[in-house]
Amino acid sequence: MAGPHPELRIVTVSWARVEPARGAYQEGEVDALQREVRAIRAAGQEPLVVLHAGALPDWVIARQGWLDPDIGADWGCFVDRVAQRLAAHVRLWAPCRGPLEEAGWYDDQARVALRALLDAHAAAYLHLKRTQGFGGRPPEVGTLATWATWSGAGLRGRTEAELRRRLGPDAWVAVLATGRLVPPFSLVGELPNGTPALDWVGVEWAGAVELPSGRTIGADPEGRAACVARLAALGKPLFVPGAGVPAGVRVLGVS
C-alpha cells in the first residue's frame, strides 16, 4: 500500500543524556531506551533509532562540537555503547537527524561541520553493519534529513531554486549514496569507507519557498510529490511521514 508506513516509530537517543561527561555513561538512560524499543516491538511496530538529533553534550560543545578534530573517536565510543545494548532489538537506524540544519549553526565553518557529520554518519554506518540486527537480519542505516521544495519566477528565480536544490539535501544524499564527496563540500576524496553508506532515505518537510524573496508559502502537495519522485530515483526505500507516496515507490518498513 502506498503512503506513510504506520509500523515505524522513531526513537531519538540523546547523546547529552547518555554521556553527560566524557566516558561517564548513564546506564539508566540506555536501560530506558532498551525498554522503549522492546515495548514498540511488543506493540507490533518497528523502532527506527536516531542516534543524534542536534543536542551535543556540554563537554563536546566546550571543545567546539563538530569542529573538534578528535570528535570522531568520542562519537565512535558513544555509538558503540548504544549499539551494544540496542542492536539486537533494532533493525533501522539513522545516525543523525537534520544534519544540514545542525551544520548551519557553525556559520562560516558550516562546511567543516558538515564534513564531520558526513564522516560521523559513515563511521556509524560501518559500525552498525557489524552488529547483529533484530531477528538475525542485518541492520539498515539511512538518513533522516529536512527537505524543502524550491520554486522561483523568472530566470533568476529558477536558477536560484536549482542552486539551492543542488547544494541542499540532494548533495548530502549524493555523498552518502556514492561514498564520493561532491560540491558544496569543496573537498576531493571519499568518505572513510569509500563506499556507499546509505540503505534508505527519510524525509522531513520544511515546506515550499518562493525565491528570490525566500517567503515561506507552506505545504505544497505538488512540490512534495516532485521531491518524493526525485528521491525515488535513487532506488532506495523511502520513509515519508505525514505524506503519501506514489504507487510503485518502495516504502521503508516491515517487509
Protein backbone atom coordinates (compact mmCIF):
# COMPACT_ATOMS: atom_id res chain seq x y z
CA MET A 1 0.00 0.00 0.00
CA ALA A 2 1.31 3.47 -0.85
CA GLY A 3 1.63 6.08 1.88
CA PRO A 4 3.38 6.53 5.24
CA HIS A 5 4.21 3.30 6.99
CA PRO A 6 2.32 3.05 10.31
CA GLU A 7 4.58 0.31 11.69
CA LEU A 8 7.54 2.67 12.13
CA ARG A 9 8.16 4.53 15.40
CA ILE A 10 11.06 6.98 15.74
CA VAL A 11 13.16 6.67 18.90
CA THR A 12 15.62 9.52 19.47
CA VAL A 13 18.76 8.97 21.54
CA SER A 14 20.19 11.96 23.44
CA TRP A 15 23.99 11.87 23.43
CA ALA A 16 23.92 14.59 26.10
CA ARG A 17 21.85 12.43 28.46
CA VAL A 18 23.59 9.12 27.75
CA GLU A 19 27.10 10.60 28.20
CA PRO A 20 26.82 13.88 30.17
CA ALA A 21 30.54 13.75 30.98
CA ARG A 22 33.21 12.22 28.75
CA GLY A 23 33.32 8.46 29.35
CA ALA A 24 30.67 8.65 32.09
CA TYR A 25 27.75 6.76 30.60
CA GLN A 26 24.38 6.83 32.30
CA GLU A 27 23.29 3.21 32.07
CA GLY A 28 19.82 4.14 33.32
CA GLU A 29 19.29 6.19 30.14
CA VAL A 30 20.34 3.26 27.96
CA ASP A 31 18.12 0.92 30.00
CA ALA A 32 15.17 3.23 29.31
CA LEU A 33 15.92 3.18 25.58
CA GLN A 34 16.09 -0.59 25.60
CA ARG A 35 12.72 -0.78 27.36
CA GLU A 36 11.26 1.64 24.83
CA VAL A 37 12.33 -0.33 21.75
CA ARG A 38 11.15 -3.57 23.36
CA ALA A 39 7.75 -2.02 24.07
CA ILE A 40 7.48 -0.83 20.47
CA ARG A 41 8.18 -4.35 19.24
CA ALA A 42 5.69 -5.80 21.72
CA ALA A 43 3.09 -3.48 20.18
CA GLY A 44 3.82 -4.95 16.75
CA GLN A 45 5.64 -1.89 15.47
CA GLU A 46 9.14 -1.26 14.17
CA PRO A 47 11.54 1.11 16.01
CA LEU A 48 13.69 3.47 13.98
CA VAL A 49 16.51 4.69 16.22
CA VAL A 50 18.09 8.12 15.65
CA LEU A 51 21.48 8.29 17.38
CA HIS A 52 21.84 12.07 17.32
CA ALA A 53 19.32 14.87 16.86
CA GLY A 54 21.26 18.06 17.50
CA ALA A 55 21.79 18.09 21.29
CA LEU A 56 25.52 17.63 21.87
CA PRO A 57 26.86 17.06 25.40
CA ASP A 58 28.25 20.17 27.12
CA TRP A 59 31.75 18.68 27.15
CA VAL A 60 31.61 18.25 23.36
CA ILE A 61 30.32 21.80 22.89
CA ALA A 62 33.19 23.08 25.04
CA ARG A 63 35.58 21.52 22.51
CA GLN A 64 33.88 23.25 19.54
CA GLY A 65 31.43 20.49 18.79
CA TRP A 66 31.75 19.04 15.29
CA LEU A 67 34.75 21.29 14.62
CA ASP A 68 36.83 19.33 17.15
CA PRO A 69 39.24 17.15 15.12
CA ASP A 70 39.00 14.43 17.80
CA ILE A 71 35.21 14.21 17.90
CA GLY A 72 35.23 11.10 15.69
CA ALA A 73 36.73 8.92 18.43
CA ASP A 74 34.23 10.15 21.03
CA TRP A 75 31.33 9.67 18.62
CA GLY A 76 32.51 6.13 17.88
CA CYS A 77 32.58 5.24 21.59
CA PHE A 78 29.06 6.61 22.04
CA VAL A 79 27.71 4.69 19.04
CA ASP A 80 29.39 1.53 20.31
CA ARG A 81 27.87 1.88 23.77
CA VAL A 82 24.33 2.36 22.46
CA ALA A 83 24.63 -0.36 19.80
CA GLN A 84 25.85 -2.89 22.36
CA ARG A 85 22.54 -2.58 24.19
CA LEU A 86 20.05 -1.93 21.40
CA ALA A 87 21.33 -3.66 18.27
CA ALA A 88 19.62 -6.98 18.99
CA HIS A 89 16.25 -5.17 19.13
CA VAL A 90 16.67 -2.67 16.27
CA ARG A 91 16.91 -3.07 12.51
CA LEU A 92 16.51 0.55 11.35
CA TRP A 93 19.00 3.28 12.30
CA ALA A 94 19.66 6.91 11.42
CA PRO A 95 22.98 8.26 12.73
CA CYS A 96 21.94 11.95 12.55
CA ARG A 97 18.67 13.83 12.23
CA GLY A 98 18.65 17.21 10.48
CA PRO A 99 22.40 17.35 9.70
CA LEU A 100 22.13 20.33 7.35
CA GLU A 101 20.39 22.46 9.97
CA GLU A 102 22.91 21.46 12.62
CA ALA A 103 25.86 22.34 10.39
CA GLY A 104 24.27 25.74 9.81
CA TRP A 105 24.81 26.60 13.49
CA TYR A 106 28.53 26.87 12.74
CA ASP A 107 28.10 29.88 10.41
CA ASP A 108 31.24 30.33 8.30
CA GLN A 109 32.53 26.91 9.44
CA ALA A 110 29.38 25.12 8.30
CA ARG A 111 31.14 23.15 5.57
CA VAL A 112 33.73 21.85 8.03
CA ALA A 113 30.99 20.80 10.44
CA LEU A 114 29.02 19.17 7.63
CA ARG A 115 32.07 17.18 6.54
CA ALA A 116 32.45 15.98 10.15
CA LEU A 117 28.78 14.98 10.20
CA LEU A 118 29.26 13.05 6.95
CA ASP A 119 32.21 11.22 8.49
CA ALA A 120 30.14 10.54 11.62
CA HIS A 121 27.35 9.02 9.52
CA ALA A 122 29.79 6.85 7.57
CA ALA A 123 31.54 5.67 10.75
CA ALA A 124 28.22 4.78 12.40
CA TYR A 125 27.13 3.00 9.21
CA LEU A 126 30.22 0.79 9.29
CA HIS A 127 29.89 0.04 12.99
CA LEU A 128 26.19 -0.78 12.86
CA LYS A 129 26.69 -3.05 9.85
CA ARG A 130 28.98 -5.16 12.02
CA THR A 131 26.28 -5.68 14.64
CA GLN A 132 23.53 -8.28 14.72
CA GLY A 133 20.17 -6.74 13.83
CA PHE A 134 16.76 -7.80 15.11
CA GLY A 135 15.77 -11.32 14.16
CA GLY A 136 19.18 -12.04 12.66
CA ARG A 137 18.58 -9.56 9.84
CA PRO A 138 21.34 -7.06 9.01
CA PRO A 139 20.65 -3.53 10.26
CA GLU A 140 19.59 -0.92 7.71
CA VAL A 141 21.11 2.55 8.08
CA GLY A 142 19.71 5.66 6.45
CA THR A 143 19.48 9.42 6.72
CA LEU A 144 16.62 11.50 8.08
CA ALA A 145 17.02 14.98 6.56
CA THR A 146 14.79 18.01 6.16
CA TRP A 147 13.68 18.67 2.62
CA ALA A 148 12.29 21.82 1.08
CA THR A 149 10.81 22.34 -2.34
CA TRP A 150 12.06 25.47 -4.08
CA SER A 151 10.45 27.49 -6.82
CA GLY A 152 11.05 30.90 -8.35
CA ALA A 153 9.75 33.21 -11.04
CA GLY A 154 11.87 34.21 -13.99
CA LEU A 155 15.35 33.07 -14.97
CA ARG A 156 16.95 34.32 -11.75
CA GLY A 157 14.37 32.68 -9.54
CA ARG A 158 14.63 29.35 -11.35
CA THR A 159 18.43 29.49 -11.25
CA GLU A 160 18.49 30.18 -7.51
CA ALA A 161 15.96 27.44 -6.89
CA GLU A 162 18.09 24.92 -8.78
CA LEU A 163 21.23 26.04 -6.94
CA ARG A 164 19.57 25.63 -3.54
CA ARG A 165 18.30 22.21 -4.55
CA ARG A 166 21.76 21.04 -5.62
CA LEU A 167 23.52 22.42 -2.55
CA GLY A 168 20.98 21.15 -0.05
CA PRO A 169 19.83 17.66 0.88
CA ASP A 170 20.47 16.42 -2.67
CA ALA A 171 24.21 16.90 -2.15
CA TRP A 172 24.10 15.26 1.30
CA VAL A 173 22.30 12.20 -0.04
CA ALA A 174 24.53 12.05 -3.14
CA VAL A 175 27.64 11.74 -0.95
CA LEU A 176 26.15 9.01 1.22
CA ALA A 177 24.73 7.14 -1.77
CA THR A 178 28.05 7.07 -3.66
CA GLY A 179 30.75 7.41 -0.99
CA ARG A 180 32.28 10.25 -3.03
CA LEU A 181 32.47 13.86 -1.89
CA VAL A 182 30.71 16.35 -4.15
CA PRO A 183 30.09 20.12 -4.00
CA PRO A 184 29.30 22.10 -1.85
CA PHE A 185 31.85 20.39 0.37
CA SER A 186 34.76 21.78 -1.67
CA LEU A 187 36.81 18.70 -0.89
CA VAL A 188 38.14 15.96 -3.12
CA GLY A 189 38.19 12.41 -1.88
CA GLU A 190 35.94 9.82 -0.32
CA LEU A 191 34.16 9.03 2.89
CA PRO A 192 36.21 6.91 5.36
CA ASN A 193 34.98 3.65 3.86
CA GLY A 194 35.00 4.97 0.27
CA THR A 195 31.75 3.16 -0.46
CA PRO A 196 28.03 3.99 -0.23
CA ALA A 197 26.74 4.44 3.32
CA LEU A 198 23.00 4.64 2.73
CA ASP A 199 20.29 1.98 2.76
CA TRP A 200 17.21 4.23 2.88
CA VAL A 201 16.21 7.90 2.76
CA GLY A 202 13.94 9.60 5.29
CA VAL A 203 12.06 12.80 4.52
CA GLU A 204 11.07 15.58 6.89
CA TRP A 205 9.42 18.62 5.38
CA ALA A 206 10.38 22.30 5.51
CA GLY A 207 7.53 23.41 3.26
CA ALA A 208 7.94 25.24 -0.02
CA VAL A 209 9.80 28.50 -0.58
CA GLU A 210 9.42 31.03 -3.36
CA LEU A 211 12.70 32.59 -4.47
CA PRO A 212 14.35 35.10 -4.58
CA SER A 213 12.26 36.61 -1.78
CA GLY A 214 12.62 33.48 0.41
CA ARG A 215 8.98 33.80 1.51
CA THR A 216 7.69 30.57 3.05
CA ILE A 217 4.44 29.58 1.43
CA GLY A 218 3.81 26.46 3.49
CA ALA A 219 2.91 22.94 2.48
CA ASP A 220 2.80 22.33 -1.24
CA PRO A 221 1.45 18.88 -2.18
CA GLU A 222 2.65 19.25 -5.78
CA GLY A 223 6.14 20.25 -4.63
CA ARG A 224 6.27 17.40 -2.13
CA ALA A 225 5.29 14.95 -4.84
CA ALA A 226 8.14 16.28 -7.00
CA CYS A 227 10.56 15.84 -4.08
CA VAL A 228 9.46 12.26 -3.48
CA ALA A 229 9.79 11.47 -7.19
CA ARG A 230 13.33 12.89 -7.20
CA LEU A 231 14.29 10.81 -4.17
CA ALA A 232 12.66 7.69 -5.58
CA ALA A 233 15.08 7.91 -8.49
CA LEU A 234 17.87 6.95 -6.05
CA GLY A 235 16.37 3.47 -5.88
CA LYS A 236 16.34 3.47 -2.06
CA PRO A 237 13.31 2.75 0.13
CA LEU A 238 11.74 5.99 1.41
CA PHE A 239 10.40 6.92 4.83
CA VAL A 240 7.98 9.82 4.31
CA PRO A 241 5.96 10.51 7.47
CA GLY A 242 2.85 12.60 7.06
CA ALA A 243 2.66 12.41 3.27
CA GLY A 244 1.55 9.96 0.65
CA VAL A 245 3.98 8.09 -1.54
CA PRO A 246 3.05 7.36 -5.16
CA ALA A 247 2.33 3.80 -6.14
CA GLY A 248 5.43 1.93 -7.24
CA VAL A 249 7.80 3.76 -4.86
CA ARG A 250 9.47 1.50 -2.32
CA VAL A 251 8.46 2.36 1.24
CA LEU A 252 10.66 1.69 4.24
CA GLY A 253 9.02 -0.62 6.72
CA VAL A 254 8.46 -4.18 7.72
CA SER A 255 8.81 -6.45 4.72
